[in-house]
Amino acid sequence: DIEALIQREAMVVTVSHGGYIKRVPLSTYRAQRRGGRGRAGMAIREEDFVSEVFVASTLAPVLFFTSSGRVYKLKVYRLPLGNPQSRGRPMVNLLQNLAPGETISTIMPLPEDEESWSDLTVIFATANGYVRRNALSDFGDIRANGKIAMKFEGEDTDDRLIAVATCTDANDVLLATRNGKSIRFPVGDVRVFSGRSSVGVRGIRLLGDDLVISMSILRHEEIAPDVRNSYLSLAAKRRRQMGEESETVAEAPLEPEEPNGENGGEEGTISEEVYADLAQREEFVLSVTEKGYGVRTSAYDYRITGRGGQGIDNMDLTRRNDAIVAVFPVGHNDQIMLVTDGGMVIRCPVHDIRIARRRSQGVVIFKVGEGERVVSVARLPEESDENGAADDADEAPDHQQSSEGDT
């Protein structure tokens, strides 16, 4: 058994937007004080950048899900060993039998102890709006040439896998579409499938040529509609008073589709204690369009419904003939990287993007050139992740979708 000869060691695994991957011993990165300059982490071309970093043991497995529905498994020790300045190797050279045009949809580091997988499930999302949930243990035994994770055949041959994520019943799923729709529903609305051939059940009903472009996993919240609306209005008012939110994008009126607006429930008053509690638990979702506009919105603004509906409006795209390319959760101190089809790259701190209500037009993040469009957006890993700030290398972190677009 070759694994008996492998020394268990913490590794920093680095993935670039251009599809390069490497592992570097965690011990190579010295701990630094906050505010330090860091060190070079990867030799990459000007148009490329580091899009994902995680720390895992040499014996921990990593799953690679492709757009055509295949899954590959490699132990970390099988990834190319490098140094902080090396570029790594293309992932396509490590995975057998990739078809032309087949891309990596999700990279998922997992705990080394596969017996613990029995407590985890994974949820899949396709471009045509379907979702499927499986036990993670269904993907324990995978040969070198991969395994079918989702089969696209018959009327589903034009579909593709866009995202896979681990989840529990304490989570919600947020699907977002290219034409500005979104739907949020509890993970528990999707039963655990026993097989791998089906595309699953309908997550969102798409109109026309619309496609799902992202799936995010959010914390499930049980909040009365009137409390949620009161919090959102009060939070927006306080941000405007502090100059953190523009008047033009701060308030989106309630839609008249329901008696009390799309969010359901009239606004009321809430105590400071309730406000503080909601603020402490609040998550934010970033949406970015092809023309470089973006909006940061409270996850509370995406009401929880049952799966399978047409969803609600995410952004107002009507005035610009625009399309959404990325939607994912972000933190205040995160940074994002945008890439255009012309090879231009810009890095932007999330806190520079104003918080606004859902259905706003957003603000300019990136002034794209004539005929140019944003094709990919990634949440950048914090520098500390690559400088040795991991607490436990034997267990890989929970996977969060951190980039949109093809890898």
Protein backbone atom coordinates (compact mmCIF):
# COMPACT_ATOMS: atom_id res chain seq x y z
CA ASP A 1 0.00 0.00 0.00
CA ILE A 2 1.72 3.16 -1.22
CA GLU A 3 -0.23 5.32 1.23
CA ALA A 4 1.51 3.56 4.12
CA LEU A 5 4.72 5.15 2.84
CA ILE A 6 3.27 8.65 2.52
CA GLN A 7 4.14 10.97 5.38
CA ARG A 8 1.10 12.75 6.75
CA GLU A 9 1.87 16.45 6.27
CA ALA A 10 -0.19 19.61 6.00
CA MET A 11 -0.21 21.01 2.47
CA VAL A 12 -1.35 24.31 1.04
CA VAL A 13 -3.15 23.53 -2.23
CA THR A 14 -3.33 26.45 -4.65
CA VAL A 15 -5.53 26.63 -7.75
CA SER A 16 -5.33 29.35 -10.39
CA HIS A 17 -8.16 30.75 -12.49
CA GLY A 18 -6.37 29.42 -15.57
CA GLY A 19 -6.61 25.85 -14.28
CA TYR A 20 -3.18 25.29 -12.71
CA ILE A 21 -2.83 23.43 -9.41
CA LYS A 22 0.00 22.66 -6.98
CA ARG A 23 0.67 21.74 -3.36
CA VAL A 24 3.27 23.31 -1.09
CA PRO A 25 4.13 22.16 2.46
CA LEU A 26 2.44 24.39 4.99
CA SER A 27 5.73 24.59 6.88
CA THR A 28 7.16 26.54 3.93
CA TYR A 29 5.01 29.53 4.84
CA ARG A 30 6.17 31.29 7.95
CA ALA A 31 3.59 32.83 10.23
CA GLN A 32 3.44 36.62 9.86
CA ARG A 33 2.05 39.43 11.92
CA ARG A 34 -1.11 41.13 10.75
CA GLY A 35 -0.25 43.85 8.24
CA GLY A 36 2.82 42.08 6.88
CA ARG A 37 3.70 42.14 3.19
CA GLY A 38 3.29 38.38 2.71
CA ARG A 39 5.27 36.46 0.11
CA ALA A 40 4.91 35.42 -3.50
CA GLY A 41 2.44 32.57 -3.65
CA MET A 42 2.36 31.43 -7.28
CA ALA A 43 4.16 32.31 -10.50
CA ILE A 44 1.31 33.02 -12.89
CA ARG A 45 0.74 34.86 -16.12
CA GLU A 46 -0.56 38.40 -16.01
CA GLU A 47 -4.10 37.38 -16.98
CA ASP A 48 -4.19 34.53 -14.43
CA PHE A 49 -4.60 34.69 -10.66
CA VAL A 50 -4.97 32.46 -7.61
CA SER A 51 -8.68 31.65 -7.29
CA GLU A 52 -8.73 29.03 -4.55
CA VAL A 53 -6.54 28.00 -1.63
CA PHE A 54 -7.15 25.32 0.97
CA VAL A 55 -5.08 23.42 3.52
CA ALA A 56 -5.34 19.64 3.74
CA SER A 57 -3.34 16.59 4.78
CA THR A 58 -1.37 14.70 2.14
CA LEU A 59 -3.79 11.78 2.61
CA ALA A 60 -6.98 13.84 2.34
CA PRO A 61 -9.12 13.31 -0.80
CA VAL A 62 -10.12 16.06 -3.22
CA LEU A 63 -13.08 15.67 -5.59
CA PHE A 64 -13.08 17.33 -9.02
CA PHE A 65 -16.53 17.66 -10.64
CA THR A 66 -16.71 18.47 -14.35
CA SER A 67 -19.29 20.29 -16.44
CA SER A 68 -20.31 17.05 -18.17
CA GLY A 69 -21.16 15.39 -14.85
CA ARG A 70 -18.04 13.33 -14.17
CA VAL A 71 -16.20 13.27 -10.85
CA TYR A 72 -12.56 12.46 -10.19
CA LYS A 73 -10.85 11.84 -6.85
CA LEU A 74 -7.21 12.52 -6.10
CA LYS A 75 -5.46 12.35 -2.76
CA VAL A 76 -3.52 15.53 -2.01
CA TYR A 77 -0.17 13.72 -2.24
CA ARG A 78 -0.93 13.00 -5.93
CA LEU A 79 -1.15 16.72 -6.73
CA PRO A 80 2.05 18.25 -8.17
CA LEU A 81 4.50 19.32 -5.48
CA GLY A 82 5.85 22.83 -5.91
CA ASN A 83 7.31 25.79 -4.09
CA PRO A 84 5.68 29.15 -3.34
CA GLN A 85 6.92 30.64 -6.63
CA SER A 86 6.13 27.73 -8.97
CA ARG A 87 3.12 27.76 -11.26
CA GLY A 88 1.99 24.16 -10.83
CA ARG A 89 0.55 21.92 -13.53
CA PRO A 90 -2.66 22.12 -15.56
CA MET A 91 -5.46 20.18 -13.89
CA VAL A 92 -6.50 18.72 -17.25
CA ASN A 93 -3.19 16.80 -17.29
CA LEU A 94 -4.05 15.12 -13.99
CA LEU A 95 -7.57 13.96 -14.88
CA GLN A 96 -8.00 11.17 -17.42
CA ASN A 97 -10.42 11.18 -20.35
CA LEU A 98 -11.59 14.80 -20.15
CA ALA A 99 -13.55 15.59 -23.31
CA PRO A 100 -12.81 18.69 -25.44
CA GLY A 101 -14.57 21.67 -23.87
CA GLU A 102 -15.17 19.84 -20.57
CA THR A 103 -14.29 22.12 -17.65
CA ILE A 104 -13.94 21.81 -13.88
CA SER A 105 -17.13 23.04 -12.22
CA THR A 106 -16.18 22.46 -8.58
CA ILE A 107 -13.11 21.45 -6.57
CA MET A 108 -14.14 19.96 -3.23
CA PRO A 109 -11.58 19.15 -0.50
CA LEU A 110 -12.92 16.61 1.98
CA PRO A 111 -12.07 15.20 5.43
CA GLU A 112 -9.42 12.47 5.41
CA ASP A 113 -11.63 10.14 7.45
CA GLU A 114 -14.12 8.87 4.87
CA GLU A 115 -16.26 7.29 7.60
CA SER A 116 -17.26 10.83 8.63
CA TRP A 117 -18.73 11.35 5.15
CA SER A 118 -21.88 9.52 6.26
CA ASP A 119 -22.99 12.71 8.02
CA LEU A 120 -22.64 14.86 4.88
CA THR A 121 -24.67 15.30 1.72
CA VAL A 122 -23.80 17.05 -1.52
CA ILE A 123 -26.16 19.04 -3.71
CA PHE A 124 -25.78 19.44 -7.47
CA ALA A 125 -27.11 22.25 -9.67
CA THR A 126 -27.43 22.26 -13.46
CA ALA A 127 -27.65 25.09 -15.97
CA ASN A 128 -31.23 24.12 -16.85
CA GLY A 129 -32.41 24.60 -13.28
CA TYR A 130 -32.33 21.10 -11.82
CA VAL A 131 -30.95 20.14 -8.41
CA ARG A 132 -30.08 16.77 -6.92
CA ARG A 133 -28.93 15.73 -3.47
CA ASN A 134 -26.83 12.66 -2.68
CA ALA A 135 -25.02 11.17 0.27
CA LEU A 136 -21.36 12.14 0.03
CA SER A 137 -20.49 8.49 0.66
CA ASP A 138 -21.81 7.74 -2.86
CA PHE A 139 -18.55 9.20 -4.15
CA GLY A 140 -16.08 7.32 -1.96
CA ASP A 141 -15.01 4.72 -4.53
CA ILE A 142 -13.84 6.48 -7.68
CA ARG A 143 -11.41 4.99 -10.20
CA ALA A 144 -8.59 6.89 -11.86
CA ASN A 145 -10.62 7.50 -15.02
CA GLY A 146 -13.43 9.10 -13.03
CA LYS A 147 -17.04 8.23 -12.34
CA ILE A 148 -20.40 9.46 -13.56
CA ALA A 149 -21.78 11.82 -10.92
CA MET A 150 -24.71 13.01 -13.04
CA LYS A 151 -25.82 11.61 -16.39
CA PHE A 152 -27.03 14.02 -19.07
CA GLU A 153 -28.96 12.02 -21.65
CA GLY A 154 -32.21 12.14 -23.59
CA GLU A 155 -33.89 15.52 -23.19
CA ASP A 156 -31.12 16.58 -20.80
CA THR A 157 -28.23 16.28 -23.27
CA ASP A 158 -28.05 20.07 -23.60
CA ASP A 159 -27.69 20.51 -19.83
CA ARG A 160 -24.45 20.78 -17.83
CA LEU A 161 -23.30 20.71 -14.22
CA ILE A 162 -22.52 24.19 -12.92
CA ALA A 163 -21.90 23.64 -9.18
CA VAL A 164 -21.64 21.07 -6.39
CA ALA A 165 -21.50 21.86 -2.67
CA THR A 166 -21.67 20.09 0.67
CA CYS A 167 -24.72 20.95 2.77
CA THR A 168 -26.87 20.02 5.74
CA ASP A 169 -30.53 20.48 6.62
CA ALA A 170 -29.48 23.69 8.39
CA ASN A 171 -28.79 25.31 5.01
CA ASP A 172 -30.72 26.96 2.19
CA VAL A 173 -29.93 26.80 -1.52
CA LEU A 174 -29.81 30.02 -3.57
CA LEU A 175 -29.96 29.56 -7.34
CA ALA A 176 -29.32 32.59 -9.56
CA THR A 177 -29.90 32.92 -13.29
CA ARG A 178 -28.27 34.79 -16.14
CA ASN A 179 -31.36 36.92 -16.78
CA GLY A 180 -31.64 38.18 -13.22
CA LYS A 181 -33.91 35.72 -11.42
CA SER A 182 -33.16 33.92 -8.15
CA ILE A 183 -34.81 31.42 -5.85
CA ARG A 184 -34.01 30.40 -2.29
CA PHE A 185 -35.32 27.19 -0.74
CA PRO A 186 -34.38 24.88 2.17
CA VAL A 187 -31.97 22.03 1.48
CA GLY A 188 -34.58 19.75 3.04
CA ASP A 189 -36.88 20.43 0.06
CA VAL A 190 -34.60 18.18 -2.00
CA ARG A 191 -34.75 14.53 -0.98
CA VAL A 192 -31.56 12.46 -0.88
CA PHE A 193 -31.33 10.42 -4.09
CA SER A 194 -29.95 6.88 -4.03
CA GLY A 195 -28.75 6.89 -7.65
CA ARG A 196 -26.45 9.00 -9.82
CA SER A 197 -28.12 8.81 -13.23
CA SER A 198 -30.91 11.36 -12.72
CA VAL A 199 -30.52 15.13 -13.05
CA GLY A 200 -32.77 15.40 -10.01
CA VAL A 201 -35.76 17.65 -9.49
CA ARG A 202 -36.61 21.15 -10.66
CA GLY A 203 -34.95 23.83 -8.55
CA ILE A 204 -36.15 26.82 -10.57
CA ARG A 205 -38.49 27.13 -13.55
CA LEU A 206 -36.62 29.02 -16.26
CA LEU A 207 -38.21 31.31 -18.83
CA GLY A 208 -37.06 31.54 -22.45
CA ASP A 209 -33.33 31.11 -22.94
CA ASP A 210 -32.45 31.75 -19.30
CA LEU A 211 -29.83 29.58 -17.56
CA VAL A 212 -28.73 29.04 -13.97
CA ILE A 213 -25.23 30.47 -13.52
CA SER A 214 -24.61 29.88 -9.81
CA MET A 215 -25.59 28.01 -6.68
CA SER A 216 -24.84 29.36 -3.19
CA ILE A 217 -25.30 27.66 0.17
CA LEU A 218 -26.69 29.96 2.87
CA ARG A 219 -27.57 29.55 6.52
CA HIS A 220 -31.26 28.71 6.97
CA GLU A 221 -33.10 31.48 8.81
CA GLU A 222 -36.59 31.43 10.31
CA ILE A 223 -37.58 35.12 10.35
CA ALA A 224 -41.11 36.50 10.18
CA PRO A 225 -41.64 38.54 6.96
CA ASP A 226 -42.57 41.73 8.82
CA VAL A 227 -39.46 41.45 11.02
CA ARG A 228 -37.25 40.87 7.98
CA ASN A 229 -38.70 43.82 6.09
CA SER A 230 -38.35 46.07 9.13
CA TYR A 231 -34.73 45.06 9.56
CA LEU A 232 -33.88 45.62 5.89
CA SER A 233 -35.48 49.08 5.86
CA LEU A 234 -33.85 50.14 9.12
CA ALA A 235 -30.44 48.82 8.06
CA ALA A 236 -30.68 50.71 4.76
CA LYS A 237 -31.69 53.90 6.57
CA ARG A 238 -28.72 53.66 8.95
CA ARG A 239 -26.28 52.99 6.13
CA ARG A 240 -27.53 56.06 4.26
CA GLN A 241 -27.08 58.15 7.38
CA MET A 242 -23.49 56.93 7.60
CA GLY A 243 -22.90 57.56 3.89
CA GLU A 244 -22.43 53.87 3.14
CA GLU A 245 -25.32 53.52 0.72
CA SER A 246 -26.37 55.73 -2.17
CA GLU A 247 -29.87 57.15 -2.33
CA THR A 248 -30.28 55.92 -5.90
CA VAL A 249 -29.81 52.22 -5.15
CA ALA A 250 -30.74 51.94 -1.50
CA GLU A 251 -34.43 51.20 -1.69
CA ALA A 252 -36.20 48.85 -4.07
CA PRO A 253 -39.98 49.11 -3.66
CA LEU A 254 -41.94 46.03 -2.72
CA GLU A 255 -43.39 44.34 -5.76
CA PRO A 256 -47.18 44.28 -6.09
CA GLU A 257 -47.30 40.55 -6.91
CA GLU A 258 -48.45 39.70 -3.38
CA PRO A 259 -50.77 41.55 -0.98
CA ASN A 260 -47.87 42.92 1.03
CA GLY A 261 -45.24 42.93 -1.65
CA GLU A 262 -42.99 40.20 -2.98
CA ASN A 263 -41.30 39.67 0.35
CA GLY A 264 -44.65 39.18 2.07
CA GLY A 265 -45.50 41.04 5.27
CA GLU A 266 -45.72 44.70 6.06
CA GLU A 267 -42.97 46.66 7.75
CA GLY A 268 -43.23 47.09 11.48
CA THR A 269 -40.88 48.09 14.25
CA ILE A 270 -38.18 45.98 15.86
CA SER A 271 -36.21 46.41 19.06
CA GLU A 272 -32.52 47.21 19.15
CA GLU A 273 -31.92 43.75 20.58
CA VAL A 274 -33.60 42.07 17.61
CA TYR A 275 -31.81 44.40 15.19
CA ALA A 276 -28.41 43.59 16.72
CA ASP A 277 -29.11 39.86 16.62
CA LEU A 278 -30.11 39.96 12.95
CA ALA A 279 -27.11 42.12 12.07
CA GLN A 280 -24.76 39.68 13.77
CA ARG A 281 -26.14 36.73 11.75
CA GLU A 282 -26.51 38.58 8.46
CA GLU A 283 -24.94 37.17 5.30
CA PHE A 284 -24.38 39.12 2.08
CA VAL A 285 -24.61 38.03 -1.54
CA LEU A 286 -22.69 39.69 -4.39
CA SER A 287 -24.07 39.78 -7.94
CA VAL A 288 -21.94 40.90 -10.93
CA THR A 289 -23.00 41.49 -14.54
CA GLU A 290 -21.29 41.15 -17.93
CA LYS A 291 -21.03 44.93 -18.24
CA GLY A 292 -19.17 45.24 -14.94
CA TYR A 293 -22.00 46.30 -12.62
CA GLY A 294 -22.38 44.79 -9.17
CA VAL A 295 -24.56 44.88 -6.10
CA ARG A 296 -24.05 43.57 -2.58
CA THR A 297 -27.35 42.50 -1.02
CA SER A 298 -28.41 41.13 2.34
CA ALA A 299 -29.26 37.43 2.16
CA TYR A 300 -32.39 38.33 4.16
CA ASP A 301 -33.65 40.06 1.01
CA TYR A 302 -33.99 36.67 -0.71
CA ARG A 303 -37.13 35.26 0.84
CA ILE A 304 -37.35 31.51 1.39
CA THR A 305 -39.89 29.71 -0.82
CA GLY A 306 -40.48 26.20 -2.08
CA ARG A 307 -38.28 24.94 -4.89
CA GLY A 308 -39.49 24.79 -8.48
CA GLY A 309 -40.97 28.28 -8.87
CA GLN A 310 -39.94 31.04 -11.29
CA GLY A 311 -38.10 32.85 -8.52
CA ILE A 312 -37.88 36.55 -7.74
CA ASP A 313 -35.92 39.42 -9.30
CA ASN A 314 -32.28 39.61 -8.29
CA MET A 315 -31.05 42.64 -10.27
CA ASP A 316 -32.69 45.13 -12.63
CA LEU A 317 -31.10 44.45 -16.02
CA THR A 318 -33.74 46.01 -18.26
CA ARG A 319 -32.10 49.38 -18.93
CA ARG A 320 -28.70 48.03 -19.96
CA ASN A 321 -29.49 44.83 -21.89
CA ASP A 322 -27.11 43.14 -19.46
CA ALA A 323 -26.69 39.62 -18.04
CA ILE A 324 -25.50 38.28 -14.69
CA VAL A 325 -22.29 36.23 -14.68
CA ALA A 326 -21.72 35.59 -10.97
CA VAL A 327 -23.62 35.43 -7.68
CA PHE A 328 -22.00 34.21 -4.45
CA PRO A 329 -21.74 34.98 -0.70
CA VAL A 330 -19.05 37.46 0.36
CA GLY A 331 -17.65 38.91 3.55
CA HIS A 332 -16.93 42.59 4.21
CA ASN A 333 -13.15 42.05 4.10
CA ASP A 334 -13.10 39.82 1.01
CA GLN A 335 -11.68 40.83 -2.34
CA ILE A 336 -12.88 39.76 -5.77
CA MET A 337 -11.20 39.40 -9.14
CA LEU A 338 -13.02 40.08 -12.41
CA VAL A 339 -11.83 38.80 -15.80
CA THR A 340 -13.06 39.95 -19.23
CA ASP A 341 -13.11 38.10 -22.54
CA GLY A 342 -10.42 40.54 -23.66
CA GLY A 343 -8.01 39.30 -20.99
CA MET A 344 -8.36 42.31 -18.69
CA VAL A 345 -8.23 41.61 -14.95
CA ILE A 346 -9.21 43.86 -12.05
CA ARG A 347 -9.05 43.26 -8.31
CA CYS A 348 -11.64 44.97 -6.12
CA PRO A 349 -12.29 44.96 -2.35
CA VAL A 350 -15.84 43.94 -1.50
CA HIS A 351 -16.29 46.79 0.99
CA ASP A 352 -16.00 49.24 -1.94
CA ILE A 353 -19.22 47.82 -3.43
CA ARG A 354 -22.25 49.50 -1.91
CA ILE A 355 -24.90 47.47 -0.15
CA ALA A 356 -28.27 47.81 -1.86
CA ARG A 357 -31.67 46.19 -1.84
CA ARG A 358 -32.42 43.39 -4.24
CA ARG A 359 -33.74 44.54 -7.67
CA SER A 360 -31.39 47.52 -7.83
CA GLN A 361 -29.30 48.26 -10.94
CA GLY A 362 -26.04 48.09 -9.02
CA VAL A 363 -22.94 50.24 -9.32
CA VAL A 364 -19.98 50.14 -11.69
CA ILE A 365 -17.24 47.79 -10.47
CA PHE A 366 -15.30 47.51 -13.72
CA LYS A 367 -15.53 49.84 -16.74
CA VAL A 368 -15.32 47.32 -19.58
CA GLY A 369 -14.26 48.35 -23.06
CA GLU A 370 -16.53 48.57 -26.09
CA GLY A 371 -17.62 45.06 -27.09
CA GLU A 372 -15.92 43.58 -24.04
CA ARG A 373 -17.69 41.69 -21.27
CA VAL A 374 -16.92 40.21 -17.86
CA VAL A 375 -16.80 36.41 -18.16
CA SER A 376 -15.67 35.31 -14.71
CA VAL A 377 -15.61 36.56 -11.12
CA ALA A 378 -13.85 34.94 -8.17
CA ARG A 379 -13.78 35.59 -4.46
CA LEU A 380 -10.09 35.70 -3.59
CA PRO A 381 -8.78 33.65 -0.69
CA GLU A 382 -7.42 35.72 2.18
CA GLU A 383 -3.66 36.13 2.19
CA SER A 384 -3.50 34.50 5.60
CA ASP A 385 -4.86 31.28 4.06
CA GLU A 386 -1.67 30.97 2.04
CA ASN A 387 0.65 32.25 4.73
CA GLY A 388 -0.03 29.46 7.17
CA ALA A 389 -3.03 30.48 9.23
CA ALA A 390 -4.76 27.09 9.16
CA ASP A 391 -5.71 25.60 12.50
CA ASP A 392 -6.35 21.99 11.51
CA ALA A 393 -4.82 20.50 8.40
CA ASP A 394 -6.27 17.03 8.91
CA GLU A 395 -9.75 18.26 8.02
CA ALA A 396 -10.43 20.20 4.89
CA PRO A 397 -12.71 23.22 5.21
CA ASP A 398 -16.33 23.06 4.15
CA HIS A 399 -16.52 23.77 0.46
CA GLN A 400 -17.98 27.09 -0.61
CA GLN A 401 -18.43 28.04 -4.20
CA SER A 402 -15.97 30.87 -4.61
CA SER A 403 -15.82 31.48 -8.31
CA GLU A 404 -18.10 31.70 -11.28
CA GLY A 405 -17.29 30.95 -14.89
CA ASP A 406 -15.25 28.15 -16.39
CA THR A 407 -12.01 26.92 -14.87
